[in-house]
Amino acid sequence: MTQDHATLEPLELSEDIARIGHSMSMMRVMMGRRVIGRMAIARAAPGIDLSQLDILDAVNRITSDGGEPTVGAIAEAMRIDPSRGSRLVAELVTRGLLKRDASQEDGRRSLILLTPSGAAVLAEIRAVKHSIIESATADWSAEERTIFGELFERFIAGFYQAAQGTDRSECEETVQAAS
């Protein structure tokens, strides 16, 4: 039995759009492999894994946003099962990178906070990430970096908006939270 298969006609794309799409594909592969995170961990925090780094980052983001970093909030931010979040948090508490503290609003809840060591790991990871970006743009002028930063930020917010169908101001908040 044979089936008729429609052939896909190539879309008429401008060269610029095609180039951006190709660059996004390359970036997706690097992000999927967590290249920057792996490099940063190797340089700044050998011995922790990417999931643990994500937990530290989630605690920092929730705290910075004025929320209460509970295990549930951390798991939700990372889109993982609360029991897995609890195990990861426990590992980081044991390593001295996180600590548990009672909530001022509800003493039955434990807040998960960065210790000075945890904050130092995040600061070092961020410094490594910035160093990698600086190296990648070393032959750019200050003006080119400024223009790229502004355009890339606008692109990410616009891309997020187009993909999610959300308000642009919400997208800009998401972009700022990720930095």
Protein backbone atom coordinates (compact mmCIF):
# COMPACT_ATOMS: atom_id res chain seq x y z
CA MET A 1 0.00 0.00 0.00
CA THR A 2 1.45 3.35 -0.99
CA GLN A 3 0.65 6.68 0.52
CA ASP A 4 0.85 10.06 -1.06
CA HIS A 5 3.26 12.24 0.85
CA ALA A 6 3.15 15.95 0.47
CA THR A 7 6.53 17.51 -0.05
CA LEU A 8 7.38 20.51 2.04
CA GLU A 9 8.12 23.56 0.02
CA PRO A 10 11.00 25.56 1.45
CA LEU A 11 9.74 28.72 3.09
CA GLU A 12 10.75 31.96 1.52
CA LEU A 13 13.05 33.36 4.19
CA SER A 14 15.22 36.37 4.09
CA GLU A 15 18.90 35.65 4.48
CA ASP A 16 18.88 37.47 7.83
CA ILE A 17 16.03 35.36 9.24
CA ALA A 18 17.70 32.16 8.05
CA ARG A 19 21.00 33.23 9.64
CA ILE A 20 19.28 34.02 12.95
CA GLY A 21 17.50 30.65 12.82
CA HIS A 22 20.79 28.84 12.21
CA SER A 23 22.49 30.70 15.06
CA MET A 24 19.57 29.84 17.35
CA SER A 25 19.98 26.16 16.46
CA MET A 26 23.67 26.30 17.35
CA MET A 27 22.85 28.07 20.61
CA ARG A 28 20.14 25.50 21.42
CA VAL A 29 22.69 22.70 21.07
CA MET A 30 25.13 24.52 23.35
CA MET A 31 22.39 25.31 25.88
CA GLY A 32 21.12 21.72 25.73
CA ARG A 33 24.59 20.53 26.55
CA ARG A 34 24.82 23.25 29.20
CA VAL A 35 28.24 24.25 27.89
CA ILE A 36 28.52 27.47 29.92
CA GLY A 37 27.26 25.83 33.11
CA ARG A 38 29.68 22.93 32.76
CA MET A 39 32.59 25.25 32.05
CA ALA A 40 31.68 27.45 35.01
CA ILE A 41 31.34 24.49 37.37
CA ALA A 42 34.65 23.04 36.23
CA ARG A 43 36.39 26.36 36.88
CA ALA A 44 34.52 27.64 39.93
CA ALA A 45 32.78 24.82 41.78
CA PRO A 46 34.09 21.36 40.96
CA GLY A 47 32.09 18.73 42.75
CA ILE A 48 28.62 20.19 42.28
CA ASP A 49 26.42 19.15 39.40
CA LEU A 50 24.14 21.12 37.13
CA SER A 51 20.98 20.26 39.09
CA GLN A 52 22.58 21.55 42.27
CA LEU A 53 23.64 24.73 40.49
CA ASP A 54 20.06 25.14 39.30
CA ILE A 55 18.82 24.82 42.90
CA LEU A 56 21.24 27.52 44.09
CA ASP A 57 20.13 29.76 41.24
CA ALA A 58 16.43 29.15 41.98
CA VAL A 59 16.91 30.04 45.66
CA ASN A 60 18.71 33.21 44.65
CA ARG A 61 15.99 34.19 42.13
CA ILE A 62 13.09 33.50 44.51
CA THR A 63 14.80 35.47 47.28
CA SER A 64 15.67 38.35 44.95
CA ASP A 65 12.05 38.49 43.77
CA GLY A 66 10.89 38.85 47.39
CA GLY A 67 9.40 35.36 47.62
CA GLU A 68 9.86 32.71 50.27
CA PRO A 69 12.25 30.04 48.99
CA THR A 70 10.60 26.89 50.32
CA VAL A 71 11.29 23.45 48.87
CA GLY A 72 7.91 23.65 47.11
CA ALA A 73 8.68 27.05 45.58
CA ILE A 74 12.10 25.84 44.45
CA ALA A 75 10.64 22.68 42.88
CA GLU A 76 7.98 24.74 41.12
CA ALA A 77 10.56 27.22 39.81
CA MET A 78 12.60 24.34 38.44
CA ARG A 79 9.56 22.37 37.25
CA ILE A 80 10.63 19.25 39.13
CA ASP A 81 8.89 16.93 41.57
CA PRO A 82 8.93 18.30 45.16
CA SER A 83 10.52 15.07 46.45
CA ARG A 84 13.42 15.47 44.01
CA GLY A 85 13.71 19.14 44.99
CA SER A 86 13.81 18.11 48.64
CA ARG A 87 16.65 15.62 47.99
CA LEU A 88 18.68 18.19 46.06
CA VAL A 89 18.16 20.81 48.76
CA ALA A 90 19.21 18.30 51.45
CA GLU A 91 22.44 17.56 49.54
CA LEU A 92 23.26 21.27 49.35
CA VAL A 93 22.45 21.79 53.03
CA THR A 94 24.86 18.94 53.84
CA ARG A 95 27.53 20.60 51.68
CA GLY A 96 27.04 23.91 53.49
CA LEU A 97 25.81 25.80 50.42
CA LEU A 98 22.23 26.16 51.70
CA LYS A 99 20.68 26.39 55.16
CA ARG A 100 17.19 25.92 56.53
CA ASP A 101 15.52 28.71 58.50
CA ALA A 102 12.04 29.14 59.95
CA SER A 103 9.59 31.33 58.02
CA GLN A 104 8.67 34.55 59.79
CA GLU A 105 5.15 34.26 58.37
CA ASP A 106 4.57 30.61 59.28
CA GLY A 107 6.96 28.90 61.69
CA ARG A 108 5.91 25.49 60.38
CA ARG A 109 7.53 26.22 57.01
CA SER A 110 11.25 26.05 56.40
CA LEU A 111 12.91 28.63 54.23
CA ILE A 112 15.88 27.56 52.18
CA LEU A 113 18.58 30.21 52.15
CA LEU A 114 21.99 30.58 50.57
CA THR A 115 24.90 30.40 52.97
CA PRO A 116 27.86 32.70 52.38
CA SER A 117 29.55 29.71 50.68
CA GLY A 118 26.52 29.19 48.40
CA ALA A 119 26.43 32.89 47.52
CA ALA A 120 30.17 32.77 46.77
CA VAL A 121 29.68 29.79 44.43
CA LEU A 122 26.94 31.65 42.54
CA ALA A 123 29.07 34.80 42.34
CA GLU A 124 32.00 32.79 41.01
CA ILE A 125 29.79 30.97 38.49
CA ARG A 126 28.41 34.32 37.31
CA ALA A 127 31.96 35.70 37.01
CA VAL A 128 32.98 32.71 34.87
CA LYS A 129 29.90 33.15 32.65
CA HIS A 130 30.71 36.84 32.21
CA SER A 131 34.33 35.98 31.47
CA ILE A 132 33.23 33.57 28.73
CA ILE A 133 30.96 36.22 27.22
CA GLU A 134 33.77 38.76 27.44
CA SER A 135 36.13 36.34 25.69
CA ALA A 136 33.56 35.63 22.97
CA THR A 137 33.20 39.36 22.31
CA ALA A 138 36.83 40.34 22.89
CA ASP A 139 37.32 41.69 19.38
CA TRP A 140 34.10 43.73 19.48
CA SER A 141 34.03 47.44 20.14
CA ALA A 142 32.25 48.77 23.22
CA GLU A 143 29.57 50.12 20.88
CA GLU A 144 29.07 46.71 19.27
CA ARG A 145 28.66 45.08 22.70
CA THR A 146 26.12 47.72 23.72
CA ILE A 147 24.15 47.34 20.51
CA PHE A 148 24.25 43.54 20.66
CA GLY A 149 23.17 43.55 24.32
CA GLU A 150 20.21 45.80 23.58
CA LEU A 151 19.18 43.91 20.45
CA PHE A 152 19.63 40.48 22.04
CA GLU A 153 17.54 41.52 25.04
CA ARG A 154 14.82 42.83 22.71
CA PHE A 155 15.01 39.66 20.62
CA ILE A 156 14.65 37.35 23.63
CA ALA A 157 11.70 39.37 24.99
CA GLY A 158 10.06 39.44 21.55
CA PHE A 159 10.73 35.74 20.98
CA TYR A 160 9.29 34.88 24.38
CA GLN A 161 6.26 37.04 23.67
CA ALA A 162 5.68 35.44 20.27
CA ALA A 163 6.08 31.93 21.66
CA GLN A 164 3.98 32.48 24.78
CA GLY A 165 1.50 35.08 23.58
CA THR A 166 2.20 37.19 26.68
CA ASP A 167 2.49 40.87 27.40
CA ARG A 168 5.89 42.34 26.52
CA SER A 169 6.42 43.82 30.02
CA GLU A 170 6.02 40.31 31.49
CA CYS A 171 8.65 39.09 29.02
CA GLU A 172 11.08 41.83 30.02
CA GLU A 173 10.63 40.84 33.69
CA THR A 174 11.43 37.23 32.73
CA VAL A 175 14.56 38.33 30.83
CA GLN A 176 15.73 40.46 33.78
CA ALA A 177 15.09 37.63 36.26
CA ALA A 178 17.27 35.32 34.20
CA SER A 179 20.29 37.63 34.30
